[in-house]
Protein backbone atom coordinates (compact mmCIF):
# COMPACT_ATOMS: atom_id res chain seq x y z
CA UNK A 1 107.85 -76.63 -3.06
CA UNK A 2 106.60 -77.15 0.18
CA UNK A 3 102.54 -77.70 0.87
CA UNK A 4 100.70 -75.83 3.49
CA UNK A 5 98.65 -77.58 6.34
CA UNK A 6 94.96 -76.29 7.07
CA UNK A 7 94.35 -75.67 10.70
CA UNK A 8 90.62 -75.09 9.95
CA UNK A 9 88.29 -74.36 7.05
CA UNK A 10 85.08 -74.04 8.43
CA UNK A 11 83.65 -71.60 11.12
CA UNK A 12 80.54 -72.04 12.87
CA UNK A 13 79.60 -74.66 10.41
CA UNK A 14 80.12 -72.99 7.42
CA UNK A 15 82.92 -73.65 4.83
CA UNK A 16 85.41 -70.85 4.42
CA UNK A 17 86.07 -69.16 1.42
CA UNK A 18 89.90 -70.51 0.38
CA UNK A 19 91.67 -67.02 1.13
CA UNK A 20 89.80 -67.18 4.91
CA UNK A 21 91.02 -70.64 5.51
CA UNK A 22 93.76 -70.72 8.42
CA UNK A 23 96.88 -72.74 7.71
CA UNK A 24 99.22 -73.93 10.77
CA UNK A 25 101.88 -71.30 9.98
CA UNK A 26 99.83 -68.78 8.83
CA UNK A 27 100.14 -68.36 5.29
CA UNK A 28 97.22 -67.00 3.60
CA UNK A 29 96.43 -69.27 0.86
CA UNK A 30 95.62 -68.31 -2.63
CA UNK A 31 92.91 -69.99 -5.11
CA UNK A 32 95.01 -72.30 -6.81
CA UNK A 33 97.24 -73.48 -3.68
CA UNK A 34 97.06 -77.20 -3.10
CA UNK A 35 96.90 -77.78 0.83
CA UNK A 36 96.98 -80.37 3.05
CA UNK A 37 93.69 -81.66 4.66
CA UNK A 38 94.82 -81.73 8.48
CA UNK A 39 97.88 -82.67 9.92
CA UNK A 40 96.96 -86.41 9.95
CA UNK A 41 96.90 -85.88 6.04
CA UNK A 42 100.53 -84.49 6.00
CA UNK A 43 101.77 -87.16 8.17
CA UNK A 44 100.31 -89.89 6.49
CA UNK A 45 101.61 -88.36 2.98
CA UNK A 46 105.21 -88.47 4.59
CA UNK A 47 104.84 -91.93 5.87
CA UNK A 48 103.91 -93.21 2.38
CA UNK A 49 106.81 -91.10 0.58
CA UNK A 50 104.38 -88.88 -1.49
CA UNK A 51 105.95 -86.13 -3.73
CA UNK A 52 103.70 -83.73 -1.63
CA UNK A 53 106.15 -82.17 1.15
CA UNK A 54 104.34 -80.30 4.02
CA UNK A 55 105.69 -76.91 5.18
CA UNK A 56 108.23 -76.99 7.58
CA UNK A 57 106.78 -74.48 9.82
CA UNK A 58 103.22 -75.78 9.15
CA UNK A 59 104.75 -78.74 11.04
CA UNK A 60 106.58 -76.94 13.72
CA UNK A 61 103.22 -75.33 14.80
CA UNK A 62 101.58 -78.65 15.05
CA UNK A 63 104.31 -80.36 17.12
CA UNK A 64 104.56 -77.32 19.33
CA UNK A 65 100.42 -77.66 19.78
CA UNK A 66 100.92 -81.19 20.44
CA UNK A 67 103.49 -80.73 22.97
CA UNK A 68 101.63 -78.33 24.70
CA UNK A 69 98.98 -81.13 25.76
CA UNK A 70 98.91 -81.65 29.35
């Protein structure tokens, strides 16, 4: 099963509750969900051949955002 990537987990310097965390694909995480802390964490996991696989929709959103940078 793929794992989602956190887009942000703080708002105005305050750590968000698990159900308020935003993922790159828009998934609303549950309390028990395992999540990648950020895109770098997910990419490092791929590079190292980890069994934890990032969500394809999350990866697509990260790549799309990176390509929009001018």
